[in-house]
Amino acid sequence: MQKITVNQQRLWDSLMQMGEIGGTEKGGVCRLALTDLDKQGRDLFVSWCKDAGCSIRIDKMGNIFARRPGQDDSLPPVVMGSHLDTQPTGGKFDGIYGVLSGLEVIRSLNDQGIETRAPIEASVWTNEEGSRFPPAMVASGVFAGVFDLEYGLSRADLDGKTMGEELERIGYAGPEEVGGRPFKAFFEAHIEQGPILEDEDKQIGVVTDAQGQRWYEVTLTGQESHAGPTPMTRRRDALVGAARLIDTVNRIGMDHQPNACATVGLVQVFPNSRNVIPGQVFFTVDFRHPDAEVLAKMDQELREIADRVSGELGLEMKFEQIWYSPPVPFDTACVNSVRQAAEEFGYSHRDIVSGAGHDACYISRVAPTAMVFVPCENGISHNEAENAKAEDLAAGCNVLLQAVLERAND
C-alpha cells in the first residue's frame, strides 16, 4: 500500500475557518440548511476545491461534487463526503469533518503528485440533519432513489419555505440530474457522536453497520379551557396526554437495551399560556435500533399505548411515521479497506455500529460504502461543546486517504 499522510494542520485550520461561518458565542456553529450561512459555507468549499484543481458539479438537490480527474476519467469515481448543515446548537465537526477530510485527501494527493487510476470526488450532501427540513438525509435519499425529486424539493420548514425555493434563492439549484451515475465506492469520515471510542481509548472506529431509524410526528388535540374554573374531571388536556406518551417513549427505549435509543426532541404546545389548559400538542419521536425486528416491536408498542392514552383522555390523535430508514450493513470490502488502513498505520481501532443516521446509509443502496469514525470529547455532539483532537481527526483522514487510494487504483 502506498502509505502517505495528510497535512494535520491544514485540515484543522480549514475546520476552524469553516466553523467561523455561523459560529456561536459558546464556540459552536448554527448553519442551518439552505440559509445564507449555508450558502457562505458552500461558496467557501467550492472556492477551495477549485483552488485544488477540481471541477464542480451541482445537482438539482444542491448536492456538490468536486472532481479530481483520474488517469482513466471514464471510470466511476471513488467519492468521499458528508454535509455542511448543522443543528441549531451544533458543533464544528459534525458533518463538515467528512467534507473537509475529502478535500484534504485531494490536497494531499496534489502535494505528493500522485495520480489515481479512477477519479476521486469530495461531496457535500444537502440537508443531512433534517433540522430545518425534515426528514433527515433528504438529498442523499433522492440520489439513492429512496425519495423522488418532487418530494425532496417540496420539503418545507416551519415557516413553509421549501427546499426547492431556498435552493433557488441561494443559487444552489444545480442543473445536474440527481443520481443515476455509478460510484466505484463511497467513504464518509465522521466523529463518532458517542462515547465508545473515547471510553475504550480507540483512535479509529471501523463502522460495520448503522442503526435503523423511525421518525414520527404526533398531534394530540383536546380542548383549551380556563385553568381555574374547569374541574379536573372535565378536562381534555392535550399536554397530559403528551406527557404520558413522552414517558412511554423513554421507557420503550430503556426496555430494549443495550442498543435501543428513543427520544422526544421537539414539543409545541397550543396556546402555550400559563392559565389555559393546553388544547393541542405536537411532538416528535425518534426510535433507533440496529435490529429491524426490535425496531418494529418498539413501533407497535408505541402505537398501542398512544391509542389507549388518547382514548382514556378523550383526545383526538394524528399519529404519523414520517420516515423509516432500515438498519444498514456496509460493504464488506470497503469496511475491510478501512480496517486494513487503520492496521497499516498502527492506529488502535475497533468495529462499531453507528447509532446515528448518515448520508452513507442511503448511498450504500447504490454504491459500495463504508465509514470511518474518530473519537469526540465526552461523546458529545449536536451541541456547541462538541470537540475533537486534531491528531484524531488527522488519523481518520489518513485512513480515509489510504482506503480511497486502494479503491481508486484497484
Protein backbone atom coordinates (compact mmCIF):
# COMPACT_ATOMS: atom_id res chain seq x y z
CA MET A 1 0.00 0.00 0.00
CA GLN A 2 1.26 3.48 -0.92
CA LYS A 3 1.42 4.99 2.54
CA ILE A 4 1.23 8.79 2.68
CA THR A 5 -0.23 11.11 5.29
CA VAL A 6 -2.37 14.22 5.22
CA ASN A 7 -1.48 17.70 6.47
CA GLN A 8 -2.90 17.74 10.01
CA GLN A 9 -2.53 21.50 10.49
CA ARG A 10 -4.17 22.35 7.17
CA LEU A 11 -7.13 20.09 7.96
CA TRP A 12 -7.54 21.71 11.39
CA ASP A 13 -7.22 25.23 10.01
CA SER A 14 -9.85 24.51 7.37
CA LEU A 15 -12.24 23.20 10.02
CA MET A 16 -11.71 26.24 12.19
CA GLN A 17 -12.17 28.66 9.27
CA MET A 18 -15.38 26.95 8.19
CA GLY A 19 -16.52 26.96 11.83
CA GLU A 20 -16.48 30.77 11.80
CA ILE A 21 -19.43 30.69 9.37
CA GLY A 22 -22.38 30.53 11.72
CA GLY A 23 -20.12 30.49 14.77
CA THR A 24 -21.90 30.95 18.12
CA GLU A 25 -20.84 32.68 21.34
CA LYS A 26 -20.44 29.30 23.05
CA GLY A 27 -17.99 28.10 20.41
CA GLY A 28 -20.39 26.03 18.33
CA VAL A 29 -21.99 26.54 14.94
CA CYS A 30 -25.52 27.30 13.77
CA ARG A 31 -25.52 26.82 9.99
CA LEU A 32 -28.96 25.53 9.06
CA ALA A 33 -29.57 24.00 5.66
CA LEU A 34 -30.05 26.44 2.76
CA THR A 35 -29.73 29.59 4.86
CA ASP A 36 -27.43 32.45 3.86
CA LEU A 37 -24.82 30.95 6.20
CA ASP A 38 -25.07 27.60 4.42
CA LYS A 39 -24.50 29.45 1.14
CA GLN A 40 -21.36 31.06 2.59
CA GLY A 41 -20.05 27.65 3.65
CA ARG A 42 -20.82 26.18 0.23
CA ASP A 43 -19.13 29.08 -1.54
CA LEU A 44 -16.01 28.65 0.59
CA PHE A 45 -15.87 24.90 -0.04
CA VAL A 46 -16.30 25.36 -3.79
CA SER A 47 -13.56 28.00 -3.90
CA TRP A 48 -11.16 25.71 -2.01
CA CYS A 49 -11.94 22.83 -4.36
CA LYS A 50 -11.36 24.97 -7.44
CA ASP A 51 -8.04 26.08 -5.96
CA ALA A 52 -7.17 22.37 -5.65
CA GLY A 53 -7.81 21.90 -9.37
CA CYS A 54 -11.22 20.26 -9.09
CA SER A 55 -14.16 20.66 -11.44
CA ILE A 56 -17.52 21.30 -9.78
CA ARG A 57 -20.90 19.72 -10.46
CA ILE A 58 -24.10 20.61 -8.61
CA ASP A 59 -27.32 18.65 -8.94
CA LYS A 60 -30.96 19.70 -8.61
CA MET A 61 -30.97 18.91 -4.87
CA GLY A 62 -27.94 21.14 -4.32
CA ASN A 63 -25.53 18.25 -3.79
CA ILE A 64 -21.99 19.35 -4.69
CA PHE A 65 -19.36 17.10 -6.31
CA ALA A 66 -15.76 18.32 -6.62
CA ARG A 67 -13.87 16.03 -9.02
CA ARG A 68 -10.16 15.31 -9.22
CA PRO A 69 -9.58 13.55 -12.53
CA GLY A 70 -8.06 10.09 -12.75
CA GLN A 71 -5.79 8.50 -15.31
CA ASP A 72 -8.92 6.91 -16.78
CA ASP A 73 -11.60 9.53 -16.28
CA SER A 74 -14.24 7.27 -17.81
CA LEU A 75 -14.17 5.08 -14.69
CA PRO A 76 -16.72 5.63 -11.91
CA PRO A 77 -15.26 7.86 -9.20
CA VAL A 78 -14.41 6.98 -5.62
CA VAL A 79 -16.38 9.54 -3.64
CA MET A 80 -15.90 10.97 -0.15
CA GLY A 81 -18.14 13.36 1.70
CA SER A 82 -20.73 14.34 4.25
CA HIS A 83 -22.69 17.54 4.98
CA LEU A 84 -22.24 21.24 5.74
CA ASP A 85 -25.51 21.93 7.59
CA THR A 86 -25.68 21.84 11.38
CA GLN A 87 -28.18 21.65 14.20
CA PRO A 88 -29.34 24.98 15.71
CA THR A 89 -26.84 24.43 18.53
CA GLY A 90 -24.34 22.35 16.57
CA GLY A 91 -20.59 21.96 16.71
CA LYS A 92 -17.57 22.47 14.48
CA PHE A 93 -17.07 18.84 13.43
CA ASP A 94 -20.35 17.00 12.80
CA GLY A 95 -20.64 16.54 9.03
CA ILE A 96 -18.13 19.14 7.98
CA TYR A 97 -15.25 16.90 9.10
CA GLY A 98 -16.26 14.39 6.44
CA VAL A 99 -16.49 17.11 3.80
CA LEU A 100 -13.14 18.70 4.58
CA SER A 101 -11.45 15.33 5.04
CA GLY A 102 -12.39 14.62 1.44
CA LEU A 103 -10.88 17.92 0.38
CA GLU A 104 -7.74 17.23 2.45
CA VAL A 105 -7.30 13.87 0.72
CA ILE A 106 -7.36 15.68 -2.65
CA ARG A 107 -4.95 18.36 -1.43
CA SER A 108 -2.56 15.73 -0.05
CA LEU A 109 -2.58 13.77 -3.31
CA ASN A 110 -1.79 17.02 -5.09
CA ASP A 111 1.08 17.69 -2.69
CA GLN A 112 2.60 14.29 -3.46
CA GLY A 113 1.92 14.47 -7.20
CA ILE A 114 0.04 11.17 -7.01
CA GLU A 115 -2.35 10.22 -9.79
CA THR A 116 -5.12 7.71 -9.22
CA ARG A 117 -6.42 5.35 -11.86
CA ALA A 118 -10.07 6.30 -11.22
CA PRO A 119 -11.20 9.86 -10.49
CA ILE A 120 -12.00 10.81 -6.92
CA GLU A 121 -14.58 13.29 -5.66
CA ALA A 122 -15.30 15.24 -2.49
CA SER A 123 -19.01 15.77 -1.95
CA VAL A 124 -21.49 17.84 0.06
CA TRP A 125 -24.98 16.42 0.66
CA THR A 126 -27.84 18.86 1.23
CA ASN A 127 -29.90 18.90 4.46
CA GLU A 128 -28.44 15.82 6.13
CA GLU A 129 -29.55 16.95 9.58
CA GLY A 130 -33.23 17.33 8.77
CA SER A 131 -33.36 20.02 11.43
CA ARG A 132 -34.81 22.69 9.16
CA PHE A 133 -36.40 20.44 6.52
CA PRO A 134 -37.48 17.04 7.89
CA PRO A 135 -36.77 14.23 7.35
CA ALA A 136 -33.01 13.82 7.58
CA MET A 137 -30.72 12.89 4.68
CA VAL A 138 -33.24 14.10 2.11
CA ALA A 139 -30.86 14.88 -0.75
CA SER A 140 -28.78 11.72 -0.45
CA GLY A 141 -32.11 9.89 -0.27
CA VAL A 142 -33.18 11.41 -3.59
CA PHE A 143 -29.79 10.48 -5.07
CA ALA A 144 -30.28 6.87 -3.95
CA GLY A 145 -33.87 6.68 -5.23
CA VAL A 146 -35.43 6.48 -1.76
CA PHE A 147 -37.36 9.72 -2.42
CA ASP A 148 -38.31 11.25 -5.74
CA LEU A 149 -37.11 14.71 -6.73
CA GLU A 150 -40.52 16.33 -6.28
CA TYR A 151 -40.71 15.03 -2.71
CA GLY A 152 -37.22 16.33 -1.91
CA LEU A 153 -37.76 19.80 -3.32
CA SER A 154 -41.15 20.14 -1.62
CA ARG A 155 -39.88 19.54 1.94
CA ALA A 156 -40.83 22.63 3.97
CA ASP A 157 -39.54 24.28 7.13
CA LEU A 158 -41.76 25.55 9.96
CA ASP A 159 -42.27 28.81 8.03
CA GLY A 160 -43.49 26.99 4.93
CA LYS A 161 -40.38 27.65 2.84
CA THR A 162 -39.48 24.66 0.66
CA MET A 163 -36.10 23.22 -0.17
CA GLY A 164 -36.67 23.96 -3.85
CA GLU A 165 -37.42 27.63 -3.15
CA GLU A 166 -34.43 28.03 -0.87
CA LEU A 167 -32.04 26.27 -3.28
CA GLU A 168 -33.08 28.76 -5.96
CA ARG A 169 -32.73 31.68 -3.56
CA ILE A 170 -29.15 30.87 -2.53
CA GLY A 171 -28.09 29.87 -6.05
CA TYR A 172 -27.52 26.15 -5.48
CA ALA A 173 -30.33 24.66 -7.54
CA GLY A 174 -27.93 22.94 -9.90
CA PRO A 175 -28.57 21.65 -13.44
CA GLU A 176 -27.39 18.07 -12.94
CA GLU A 177 -29.84 15.21 -12.54
CA VAL A 178 -29.86 13.68 -9.05
CA GLY A 179 -28.35 10.20 -9.03
CA GLY A 180 -28.28 7.83 -11.92
CA ARG A 181 -24.50 7.67 -12.13
CA PRO A 182 -22.28 4.98 -10.59
CA PHE A 183 -19.77 5.38 -7.76
CA LYS A 184 -16.93 2.90 -7.55
CA ALA A 185 -17.10 3.35 -3.77
CA PHE A 186 -18.25 5.90 -1.20
CA PHE A 187 -16.49 6.69 2.09
CA GLU A 188 -17.68 9.02 4.84
CA ALA A 189 -15.45 10.14 7.71
CA HIS A 190 -17.26 11.36 10.82
CA ILE A 191 -16.85 11.99 14.52
CA GLU A 192 -18.42 9.13 16.46
CA GLN A 193 -21.06 11.30 18.21
CA GLY A 194 -20.92 8.86 21.10
CA PRO A 195 -18.55 7.86 23.93
CA ILE A 196 -17.41 4.35 22.93
CA LEU A 197 -14.12 5.12 21.16
CA GLU A 198 -13.00 7.60 23.81
CA ASP A 199 -14.00 5.29 26.68
CA GLU A 200 -12.04 2.40 25.16
CA ASP A 201 -9.11 4.61 24.08
CA LYS A 202 -9.51 3.68 20.41
CA GLN A 203 -8.48 6.15 17.71
CA ILE A 204 -10.45 4.69 14.79
CA GLY A 205 -13.93 3.23 14.58
CA VAL A 206 -14.41 0.79 11.70
CA VAL A 207 -18.13 1.21 11.03
CA THR A 208 -19.71 -2.10 10.05
CA ASP A 209 -23.41 -1.18 10.28
CA ALA A 210 -25.78 1.69 11.04
CA GLN A 211 -28.88 1.57 13.21
CA GLY A 212 -32.34 1.65 11.74
CA GLN A 213 -34.47 4.70 12.49
CA ARG A 214 -38.15 5.57 12.66
CA TRP A 215 -39.29 9.20 12.94
CA TYR A 216 -42.83 10.10 13.98
CA GLU A 217 -44.92 13.24 14.27
CA VAL A 218 -47.79 13.13 16.77
CA THR A 219 -50.54 15.70 17.30
CA LEU A 220 -52.89 15.37 20.27
CA THR A 221 -55.97 17.60 20.27
CA GLY A 222 -58.16 18.18 23.33
CA GLN A 223 -59.84 21.41 24.37
CA GLU A 224 -58.28 24.58 25.73
CA SER A 225 -60.13 25.96 28.73
CA HIS A 226 -59.63 28.20 31.76
CA ALA A 227 -57.18 26.71 34.26
CA GLY A 228 -59.25 27.89 37.27
CA PRO A 229 -62.94 27.17 36.75
CA THR A 230 -62.55 23.92 34.77
CA PRO A 231 -62.78 20.85 37.08
CA MET A 232 -60.04 18.28 36.75
CA THR A 233 -62.57 15.59 35.87
CA ARG A 234 -63.91 17.60 32.90
CA ARG A 235 -60.61 18.39 31.24
CA ARG A 236 -59.32 17.21 27.88
CA ASP A 237 -55.72 18.22 28.48
CA ALA A 238 -53.56 17.51 25.45
CA LEU A 239 -50.35 18.14 27.37
CA VAL A 240 -51.20 15.46 29.95
CA GLY A 241 -51.56 13.00 27.08
CA ALA A 242 -48.29 14.13 25.57
CA ALA A 243 -46.52 13.82 28.93
CA ARG A 244 -47.70 10.23 29.29
CA LEU A 245 -46.51 9.36 25.81
CA ILE A 246 -43.18 11.11 26.26
CA ASP A 247 -42.59 8.99 29.35
CA THR A 248 -43.67 5.93 27.36
CA VAL A 249 -41.14 6.70 24.62
CA ASN A 250 -38.35 6.82 27.22
CA ARG A 251 -39.50 3.57 28.84
CA ILE A 252 -39.63 1.76 25.48
CA GLY A 253 -36.04 2.81 24.87
CA MET A 254 -34.96 1.55 28.28
CA ASP A 255 -36.82 -1.75 27.82
CA HIS A 256 -34.86 -2.59 24.66
CA GLN A 257 -31.33 -2.05 25.88
CA PRO A 258 -28.45 -2.26 25.22
CA ASN A 259 -28.91 -0.93 21.69
CA ALA A 260 -32.21 0.99 21.60
CA CYS A 261 -32.47 4.77 21.60
CA ALA A 262 -35.77 6.64 22.00
CA THR A 263 -36.14 10.42 22.02
CA VAL A 264 -38.76 13.15 22.01
CA GLY A 265 -36.81 16.16 20.77
CA LEU A 266 -39.43 18.73 19.74
CA VAL A 267 -42.65 19.76 21.52
CA GLN A 268 -45.07 22.54 20.58
CA VAL A 269 -47.92 23.42 22.95
CA PHE A 270 -51.00 25.45 21.98
CA PRO A 271 -51.96 28.02 23.14
CA ASN A 272 -48.92 27.85 25.47
CA SER A 273 -50.38 30.12 28.14
CA ARG A 274 -49.87 29.58 31.85
CA ASN A 275 -53.55 29.79 32.79
CA VAL A 276 -55.05 27.91 29.85
CA ILE A 277 -55.41 24.14 29.68
CA PRO A 278 -53.45 23.07 26.58
CA GLY A 279 -55.77 22.25 23.72
CA GLN A 280 -53.21 20.85 21.31
CA VAL A 281 -49.69 19.44 21.49
CA PHE A 282 -47.42 18.49 18.60
CA PHE A 283 -44.31 16.42 19.30
CA THR A 284 -41.76 14.26 17.52
CA VAL A 285 -40.46 10.78 18.31
CA ASP A 286 -37.14 9.27 17.20
CA PHE A 287 -36.66 5.48 17.58
CA ARG A 288 -33.38 3.71 16.72
CA HIS A 289 -32.14 0.11 16.83
CA PRO A 290 -29.75 -1.99 14.71
CA ASP A 291 -32.29 -4.88 14.55
CA ALA A 292 -35.29 -4.27 12.29
CA GLU A 293 -37.47 -6.72 14.25
CA VAL A 294 -36.81 -4.97 17.55
CA LEU A 295 -37.47 -1.59 15.92
CA ALA A 296 -40.82 -2.94 14.69
CA LYS A 297 -41.71 -4.08 18.23
CA MET A 298 -40.92 -0.61 19.56
CA ASP A 299 -43.16 0.86 16.87
CA GLN A 300 -46.05 -1.47 17.71
CA GLU A 301 -45.85 -0.78 21.45
CA LEU A 302 -45.85 2.99 20.97
CA ARG A 303 -48.88 2.84 18.66
CA GLU A 304 -50.85 0.66 21.06
CA ILE A 305 -50.18 2.87 24.08
CA ALA A 306 -50.83 6.07 22.11
CA ASP A 307 -54.25 4.73 21.10
CA ARG A 308 -55.05 3.81 24.70
CA VAL A 309 -53.87 7.12 26.21
CA SER A 310 -55.71 9.27 23.68
CA GLY A 311 -58.89 7.25 24.26
CA GLU A 312 -58.68 7.46 28.04
CA LEU A 313 -58.24 11.24 27.98
CA GLY A 314 -60.79 11.95 25.24
CA LEU A 315 -58.17 13.31 22.85
CA GLU A 316 -58.08 13.23 19.08
CA MET A 317 -54.79 11.95 17.74
CA LYS A 318 -52.89 12.22 14.48
CA PHE A 319 -50.03 9.73 14.53
CA GLU A 320 -47.75 9.64 11.50
CA GLN A 321 -44.47 7.86 10.80
CA ILE A 322 -42.75 10.37 8.53
CA TRP A 323 -39.52 8.45 7.92
CA TYR A 324 -38.15 4.95 8.15
CA SER A 325 -34.52 4.10 7.48
CA PRO A 326 -33.82 0.38 7.89
CA PRO A 327 -30.65 -0.94 9.53
CA VAL A 328 -27.70 -0.71 7.13
CA PRO A 329 -24.88 -3.25 6.74
CA PHE A 330 -21.96 -1.57 4.98
CA ASP A 331 -19.98 -3.14 2.14
CA THR A 332 -17.60 -5.82 3.41
CA ALA A 333 -14.76 -4.96 1.03
CA CYS A 334 -14.93 -1.23 1.81
CA VAL A 335 -15.10 -1.94 5.55
CA ASN A 336 -12.04 -4.17 5.19
CA SER A 337 -10.23 -1.33 3.38
CA VAL A 338 -10.86 0.93 6.38
CA ARG A 339 -9.76 -1.74 8.85
CA GLN A 340 -6.62 -2.56 6.88
CA ALA A 341 -5.65 1.12 6.64
CA ALA A 342 -6.03 1.54 10.41
CA GLU A 343 -3.82 -1.52 10.98
CA GLU A 344 -1.19 -0.34 8.47
CA PHE A 345 -0.86 2.94 10.36
CA GLY A 346 -0.82 1.18 13.73
CA TYR A 347 -3.89 3.03 14.96
CA SER A 348 -5.88 1.45 17.77
CA HIS A 349 -9.28 0.58 16.37
CA ARG A 350 -12.46 -1.40 16.87
CA ASP A 351 -15.51 -2.36 14.86
CA ILE A 352 -18.51 -0.20 15.72
CA VAL A 353 -22.18 0.26 14.82
CA SER A 354 -23.29 3.80 14.05
CA GLY A 355 -26.05 5.00 16.33
CA ALA A 356 -26.76 7.97 14.08
CA GLY A 357 -28.02 8.21 10.54
CA HIS A 358 -25.62 9.44 7.87
CA ASP A 359 -25.72 10.11 4.15
CA ALA A 360 -23.65 6.95 3.78
CA CYS A 361 -26.71 4.96 4.85
CA TYR A 362 -28.63 5.95 1.73
CA ILE A 363 -25.63 5.94 -0.60
CA SER A 364 -25.00 2.34 0.47
CA ARG A 365 -28.10 1.40 -1.53
CA VAL A 366 -26.46 2.41 -4.81
CA ALA A 367 -22.70 2.07 -4.16
CA PRO A 368 -20.24 0.04 -2.05
CA THR A 369 -19.94 2.15 1.10
CA ALA A 370 -18.09 2.36 4.41
CA MET A 371 -17.49 4.89 7.19
CA VAL A 372 -14.55 5.95 9.36
CA PHE A 373 -15.23 7.15 12.91
CA VAL A 374 -12.92 9.14 15.19
CA PRO A 375 -13.50 9.96 18.87
CA CYS A 376 -15.16 13.14 20.08
CA GLU A 377 -14.73 14.61 23.54
CA ASN A 378 -17.07 13.00 26.11
CA GLY A 379 -19.09 11.59 23.21
CA ILE A 380 -20.89 14.94 22.86
CA SER A 381 -22.36 16.01 19.52
CA HIS A 382 -25.32 18.10 18.32
CA ASN A 383 -24.06 20.50 20.95
CA GLU A 384 -21.95 23.66 20.91
CA ALA A 385 -19.47 21.92 23.22
CA GLU A 386 -18.68 19.33 20.52
CA ASN A 387 -14.91 18.84 20.28
CA ALA A 388 -12.28 16.53 18.80
CA LYS A 389 -8.48 16.28 18.86
CA ALA A 390 -6.53 17.41 15.83
CA GLU A 391 -4.43 14.24 15.88
CA ASP A 392 -7.53 12.01 15.89
CA LEU A 393 -9.07 13.96 13.02
CA ALA A 394 -5.85 13.58 11.05
CA ALA A 395 -5.71 9.85 11.83
CA GLY A 396 -9.21 9.37 10.46
CA CYS A 397 -8.28 11.36 7.37
CA ASN A 398 -5.16 9.23 6.87
CA VAL A 399 -7.31 6.11 7.00
CA LEU A 400 -9.75 7.70 4.56
CA LEU A 401 -6.91 8.58 2.17
CA GLN A 402 -5.48 5.06 2.15
CA ALA A 403 -8.88 3.41 1.71
CA VAL A 404 -9.66 5.76 -1.19
CA LEU A 405 -6.26 5.12 -2.81
CA GLU A 406 -6.80 1.37 -2.63
CA ARG A 407 -10.22 1.60 -4.25
CA ALA A 408 -9.26 4.20 -6.86
CA ASN A 409 -6.25 2.16 -8.01
CA ASP A 410 -7.94 -1.26 -7.84
